[in-house]
PDB file of N, CA and C in Angstrom:
ATOM      1  N   UNK A   1      -3.296 -13.945 -13.322  1.00  0.00           N
ATOM      2  CA  UNK A   1      -2.792 -15.051 -12.154  1.00  0.00           C
ATOM      3  C   UNK A   1      -1.235 -14.320 -12.158  1.00  0.00           C
ATOM      4  N   UNK A   2      -0.777 -14.260 -10.857  1.00  0.00           N
ATOM      5  CA  UNK A   2       0.358 -13.965 -10.442  1.00  0.00           C
ATOM      6  C   UNK A   2       1.211 -15.116 -10.276  1.00  0.00           C
ATOM      7  N   UNK A   3       2.609 -14.856 -10.223  1.00  0.00           N
ATOM      8  CA  UNK A   3       3.651 -16.064 -10.116  1.00  0.00           C
ATOM      9  C   UNK A   3       3.412 -16.893  -9.090  1.00  0.00           C
ATOM     10  N   UNK A   4       2.873 -16.326  -7.774  1.00  0.00           N
ATOM     11  CA  UNK A   4       2.666 -17.234  -6.863  1.00  0.00           C
ATOM     12  C   UNK A   4       1.675 -18.146  -7.116  1.00  0.00           C
ATOM     13  N   UNK A   5       0.452 -17.760  -7.571  1.00  0.00           N
ATOM     14  CA  UNK A   5      -0.676 -18.546  -8.047  1.00  0.00           C
ATOM     15  C   UNK A   5      -0.238 -19.564  -9.059  1.00  0.00           C
ATOM     16  N   UNK A   6       0.656 -19.045  -9.946  1.00  0.00           N
ATOM     17  CA  UNK A   6       1.079 -19.932 -11.003  1.00  0.00           C
ATOM     18  C   UNK A   6       1.855 -21.200 -10.460  1.00  0.00           C
ATOM     19  N   UNK A   7       2.740 -20.961  -9.500  1.00  0.00           N
ATOM     20  CA  UNK A   7       3.468 -22.209  -8.768  1.00  0.00           C
ATOM     21  C   UNK A   7       2.439 -23.008  -8.075  1.00  0.00           C
ATOM     22  N   UNK A   8       1.578 -22.373  -7.561  1.00  0.00           N
ATOM     23  CA  UNK A   8       0.555 -23.400  -6.717  1.00  0.00           C
ATOM     24  C   UNK A   8      -0.131 -24.020  -7.940  1.00  0.00           C
ATOM     25  N   UNK A   9      -0.597 -23.446  -8.961  1.00  0.00           N
ATOM     26  CA  UNK A   9      -1.235 -24.241  -9.879  1.00  0.00           C
ATOM     27  C   UNK A   9      -0.618 -25.315 -10.428  1.00  0.00           C
ATOM     28  N   UNK A  10       0.783 -25.037 -10.803  1.00  0.00           N
ATOM     29  CA  UNK A  10       1.598 -26.141 -11.271  1.00  0.00           C
ATOM     30  C   UNK A  10       1.778 -27.323 -10.220  1.00  0.00           C
ATOM     31  N   UNK A  11       1.774 -26.867  -9.086  1.00  0.00           N
ATOM     32  CA  UNK A  11       2.117 -28.013  -8.017  1.00  0.00           C
ATOM     33  C   UNK A  11       0.724 -28.937  -8.056  1.00  0.00           C
ATOM     34  N   UNK A  12      -0.487 -28.155  -7.965  1.00  0.00           N
ATOM     35  CA  UNK A  12      -1.705 -28.832  -8.085  1.00  0.00           C
ATOM     36  C   UNK A  12      -1.617 -29.743  -9.094  1.00  0.00           C
ATOM     37  N   UNK A  13      -1.417 -29.348 -10.507  1.00  0.00           N
ATOM     38  CA  UNK A  13      -1.634 -30.136 -11.614  1.00  0.00           C
ATOM     39  C   UNK A  13      -0.534 -31.237 -11.485  1.00  0.00           C
ATOM     40  N   UNK A  14       0.471 -31.212 -10.986  1.00  0.00           N
ATOM     41  CA  UNK A  14       1.632 -32.258 -10.988  1.00  0.00           C
ATOM     42  C   UNK A  14       0.866 -33.216  -9.961  1.00  0.00           C
ATOM     43  N   UNK A  15       0.645 -32.795  -9.006  1.00  0.00           N
ATOM     44  CA  UNK A  15       0.297 -33.565  -7.770  1.00  0.00           C
ATOM     45  C   UNK A  15      -0.920 -34.633  -8.198  1.00  0.00           C
ATOM     46  N   UNK A  16      -1.937 -33.988  -8.722  1.00  0.00           N
ATOM     47  CA  UNK A  16      -3.218 -34.658  -9.325  1.00  0.00           C
ATOM     48  C   UNK A  16      -2.910 -35.584 -10.518  1.00  0.00           C
ATOM     49  N   UNK A  17      -1.902 -35.224 -11.234  1.00  0.00           N
ATOM     50  CA  UNK A  17      -1.479 -35.893 -12.521  1.00  0.00           C
ATOM     51  C   UNK A  17      -0.677 -37.273 -12.081  1.00  0.00           C
ATOM     52  N   UNK A  18       0.044 -37.049 -10.702  1.00  0.00           N
ATOM     53  CA  UNK A  18       0.703 -38.327 -10.276  1.00  0.00           C
ATOM     54  C   UNK A  18      -0.124 -38.959  -9.283  1.00  0.00           C
ATOM     55  N   UNK A  19      -1.185 -38.564  -8.924  1.00  0.00           N
ATOM     56  CA  UNK A  19      -2.164 -39.354  -8.153  1.00  0.00           C
ATOM     57  C   UNK A  19      -1.935 -39.259  -6.505  1.00  0.00           C
ATOM     58  N   UNK A  20      -1.351 -38.020  -6.165  1.00  0.00           N
ATOM     59  CA  UNK A  20      -1.084 -37.754  -4.809  1.00  0.00           C
ATOM     60  C   UNK A  20      -2.233 -36.698  -4.129  1.00  0.00           C
ATOM     61  N   UNK A  21      -2.642 -37.095  -3.139  1.00  0.00           N
ATOM     62  CA  UNK A  21      -3.514 -36.538  -2.190  1.00  0.00           C
ATOM     63  C   UNK A  21      -2.537 -35.318  -1.737  1.00  0.00           C
ATOM     64  N   UNK A  22      -3.282 -34.069  -1.262  1.00  0.00           N
ATOM     65  CA  UNK A  22      -2.389 -33.112  -0.511  1.00  0.00           C
ATOM     66  C   UNK A  22      -1.799 -33.631   0.582  1.00  0.00           C
ATOM     67  N   UNK A  23      -2.336 -34.868   1.355  1.00  0.00           N
ATOM     68  CA  UNK A  23      -1.919 -35.402   2.689  1.00  0.00           C
ATOM     69  C   UNK A  23      -0.534 -36.111   2.026  1.00  0.00           C
ATOM     70  N   UNK A  24      -0.677 -36.647   1.043  1.00  0.00           N
ATOM     71  CA  UNK A  24       0.502 -37.874   0.676  1.00  0.00           C
ATOM     72  C   UNK A  24       1.630 -36.813   0.390  1.00  0.00           C
ATOM     73  N   UNK A  25       1.206 -35.874  -0.241  1.00  0.00           N
ATOM     74  CA  UNK A  25       2.350 -34.939  -0.870  1.00  0.00           C
ATOM     75  C   UNK A  25       3.119 -34.216   0.269  1.00  0.00           C
ATOM     76  N   UNK A  26       2.166 -33.695   1.309  1.00  0.00           N
ATOM     77  CA  UNK A  26       2.746 -33.158   2.397  1.00  0.00           C
ATOM     78  C   UNK A  26       3.637 -33.996   3.396  1.00  0.00           C
ATOM     79  N   UNK A  27       3.238 -35.404   3.478  1.00  0.00           N
ATOM     80  CA  UNK A  27       3.757 -36.504   4.179  1.00  0.00           C
ATOM     81  C   UNK A  27       5.353 -36.600   3.647  1.00  0.00           C
ATOM     82  N   UNK A  28       5.356 -36.712   2.150  1.00  0.00           N
ATOM     83  CA  UNK A  28       6.399 -36.972   1.564  1.00  0.00           C
ATOM     84  C   UNK A  28       7.413 -36.020   1.432  1.00  0.00           C
ATOM     85  N   UNK A  29       6.987 -34.669   1.456  1.00  0.00           N
ATOM     86  CA  UNK A  29       7.829 -33.432   1.533  1.00  0.00           C
ATOM     87  C   UNK A  29       8.223 -32.896   2.904  1.00  0.00           C
ATOM     88  N   UNK A  30       7.367 -33.384   3.786  1.00  0.00           N
ATOM     89  CA  UNK A  30       7.986 -33.058   5.237  1.00  0.00           C
ATOM     90  C   UNK A  30       7.365 -31.707   5.699  1.00  0.00           C
ATOM     91  N   UNK A  31       6.095 -31.518   5.116  1.00  0.00           N
ATOM     92  CA  UNK A  31       5.434 -30.230   5.401  1.00  0.00           C
ATOM     93  C   UNK A  31       3.942 -30.372   5.929  1.00  0.00           C
ATOM     94  N   UNK A  32       3.447 -29.548   6.280  1.00  0.00           N
ATOM     95  CA  UNK A  32       1.965 -29.585   6.846  1.00  0.00           C
ATOM     96  C   UNK A  32       1.085 -29.645   5.696  1.00  0.00           C
ATOM     97  N   UNK A  33      -0.020 -30.292   5.730  1.00  0.00           N
ATOM     98  CA  UNK A  33      -0.956 -30.515   4.727  1.00  0.00           C
ATOM     99  C   UNK A  33      -1.613 -29.126   4.399  1.00  0.00           C
ATOM    100  N   UNK A  34      -1.968 -28.407   5.426  1.00  0.00           N
ATOM    101  CA  UNK A  34      -2.452 -27.136   5.218  1.00  0.00           C
ATOM    102  C   UNK A  34      -1.684 -26.070   4.351  1.00  0.00           C
ATOM    103  N   UNK A  35      -0.367 -26.268   4.694  1.00  0.00           N
ATOM    104  CA  UNK A  35       0.447 -25.494   4.081  1.00  0.00           C
ATOM    105  C   UNK A  35       0.729 -25.771   2.268  1.00  0.00           C
ATOM    106  N   UNK A  36       0.524 -27.093   2.035  1.00  0.00           N
ATOM    107  CA  UNK A  36       0.383 -27.653   0.480  1.00  0.00           C
ATOM    108  C   UNK A  36      -0.923 -26.817   0.088  1.00  0.00           C
ATOM    109  N   UNK A  37      -2.146 -26.829   0.816  1.00  0.00           N
ATOM    110  CA  UNK A  37      -3.407 -26.284   0.167  1.00  0.00           C
ATOM    111  C   UNK A  37      -3.144 -24.685  -0.050  1.00  0.00           C
ATOM    112  N   UNK A  38      -2.300 -23.933   0.920  1.00  0.00           N
ATOM    113  CA  UNK A  38      -2.213 -22.747   0.922  1.00  0.00           C
ATOM    114  C   UNK A  38      -1.185 -22.326  -0.300  1.00  0.00           C
ATOM    115  N   UNK A  39      -0.308 -23.151  -0.528  1.00  0.00           N
ATOM    116  CA  UNK A  39       0.568 -22.817  -1.840  1.00  0.00           C
ATOM    117  C   UNK A  39      -0.181 -23.036  -3.042  1.00  0.00           C
ATOM    118  N   UNK A  40      -0.974 -24.333  -3.025  1.00  0.00           N
ATOM    119  CA  UNK A  40      -1.815 -24.395  -4.292  1.00  0.00           C
ATOM    120  C   UNK A  40      -2.744 -23.264  -4.498  1.00  0.00           C
ATOM    121  N   UNK A  41      -3.297 -22.676  -3.436  1.00  0.00           N
ATOM    122  CA  UNK A  41      -4.334 -21.442  -3.642  1.00  0.00           C
ATOM    123  C   UNK A  41      -3.596 -20.179  -3.845  1.00  0.00           C
ATOM    124  N   UNK A  42      -2.315 -20.200  -3.866  1.00  0.00           N
ATOM    125  CA  UNK A  42      -1.628 -18.883  -4.066  1.00  0.00           C
ATOM    126  C   UNK A  42      -1.644 -18.130  -2.677  1.00  0.00           C
ATOM    127  N   UNK A  43      -1.884 -18.666  -1.679  1.00  0.00           N
ATOM    128  CA  UNK A  43      -1.891 -17.870  -0.425  1.00  0.00           C
ATOM    129  C   UNK A  43      -0.524 -17.916   0.303  1.00  0.00           C
ATOM    130  N   UNK A  44       0.416 -18.648   0.002  1.00  0.00           N
ATOM    131  CA  UNK A  44       1.750 -18.565   0.635  1.00  0.00           C
ATOM    132  C   UNK A  44       2.837 -18.765  -0.764  1.00  0.00           C
ATOM    133  N   UNK A  45       3.928 -18.230  -0.487  1.00  0.00           N
ATOM    134  CA  UNK A  45       4.980 -18.198  -1.323  1.00  0.00           C
ATOM    135  C   UNK A  45       5.935 -19.067  -0.908  1.00  0.00           C
ATOM    136  N   UNK A  46       6.118 -20.246  -1.463  1.00  0.00           N
ATOM    137  CA  UNK A  46       7.024 -21.259  -1.006  1.00  0.00           C
ATOM    138  C   UNK A  46       8.585 -20.766  -1.318  1.00  0.00           C
ATOM    139  N   UNK A  47       9.447 -21.239  -0.498  1.00  0.00           N
ATOM    140  CA  UNK A  47      10.722 -20.910  -0.722  1.00  0.00           C
ATOM    141  C   UNK A  47      11.374 -21.993  -1.685  1.00  0.00           C
ATOM    142  N   UNK A  48      12.453 -21.763  -2.358  1.00  0.00           N
ATOM    143  CA  UNK A  48      13.163 -22.859  -3.174  1.00  0.00           C
ATOM    144  C   UNK A  48      13.056 -24.216  -2.489  1.00  0.00           C
ATOM    145  N   UNK A  49      13.641 -24.259  -1.149  1.00  0.00           N
ATOM    146  CA  UNK A  49      13.849 -25.508  -0.305  1.00  0.00           C
ATOM    147  C   UNK A  49      12.611 -25.970  -0.441  1.00  0.00           C
ATOM    148  N   UNK A  50      11.401 -25.416  -0.136  1.00  0.00           N
ATOM    149  CA  UNK A  50      10.187 -26.218   0.085  1.00  0.00           C
ATOM    150  C   UNK A  50       9.719 -26.594  -1.254  1.00  0.00           C
ATOM    151  N   UNK A  51      10.009 -26.067  -2.151  1.00  0.00           N
ATOM    152  CA  UNK A  51       9.737 -26.321  -3.738  1.00  0.00           C
ATOM    153  C   UNK A  51      10.456 -27.539  -4.053  1.00  0.00           C
ATOM    154  N   UNK A  52      11.876 -27.741  -3.659  1.00  0.00           N
ATOM    155  CA  UNK A  52      12.480 -28.881  -3.627  1.00  0.00           C
ATOM    156  C   UNK A  52      11.947 -30.005  -3.076  1.00  0.00           C
ATOM    157  N   UNK A  53      11.478 -29.835  -1.764  1.00  0.00           N
ATOM    158  CA  UNK A  53      10.764 -30.876  -1.013  1.00  0.00           C
ATOM    159  C   UNK A  53       9.704 -31.298  -1.496  1.00  0.00           C
ATOM    160  N   UNK A  54       8.749 -30.562  -2.112  1.00  0.00           N
ATOM    161  CA  UNK A  54       7.527 -30.779  -2.854  1.00  0.00           C
ATOM    162  C   UNK A  54       7.793 -31.572  -3.964  1.00  0.00           C
ATOM    163  N   UNK A  55       8.788 -31.165  -4.925  1.00  0.00           N
ATOM    164  CA  UNK A  55       8.988 -31.810  -6.206  1.00  0.00           C
ATOM    165  C   UNK A  55       9.664 -33.241  -5.945  1.00  0.00           C
ATOM    166  N   UNK A  56      10.085 -33.619  -4.905  1.00  0.00           N
ATOM    167  CA  UNK A  56      10.801 -34.843  -4.637  1.00  0.00           C
ATOM    168  C   UNK A  56       9.977 -35.894  -5.223  1.00  0.00           C
ATOM    169  N   UNK A  57       8.796 -36.231  -5.108  1.00  0.00           N
ATOM    170  CA  UNK A  57       8.097 -37.372  -5.572  1.00  0.00           C
ATOM    171  C   UNK A  57       7.982 -37.528  -6.966  1.00  0.00           C
ATOM    172  N   UNK A  58       8.467 -36.407  -7.889  1.00  0.00           N
ATOM    173  CA  UNK A  58       8.326 -36.359  -9.126  1.00  0.00           C
ATOM    174  C   UNK A  58       9.801 -36.597  -9.686  1.00  0.00           C
ATOM    175  N   UNK A  59      10.915 -36.641  -8.907  1.00  0.00           N
ATOM    176  CA  UNK A  59      12.014 -36.814  -9.569  1.00  0.00           C
ATOM    177  C   UNK A  59      12.331 -38.289 -10.006  1.00  0.00           C
ATOM    178  N   UNK A  60      13.340 -38.257 -11.147  1.00  0.00           N
ATOM    179  CA  UNK A  60      13.474 -39.509 -11.346  1.00  0.00           C
ATOM    180  C   UNK A  60      14.525 -40.256 -10.532  1.00  0.00           C
ATOM    181  N   UNK A  61      14.543 -41.486 -10.331  1.00  0.00           N
ATOM    182  CA  UNK A  61      15.486 -42.170  -9.594  1.00  0.00           C
ATOM    183  C   UNK A  61      17.051 -42.070 -10.050  1.00  0.00           C
TER     184      UNK A  61
END
């Protein structure tokens, strides 16, 4: 498993653990649903900005 796949797998695990669908995560992060799937499958290498946007639902208030 390379680092891109590892990031995608971590995002998928956190998304599922927190009860988000790909659609819900994409909406909250302001990205396309298909992009979330591509990241989770290791097909896309997200920028730090996108990782920050995706991680927003898990940040503590």
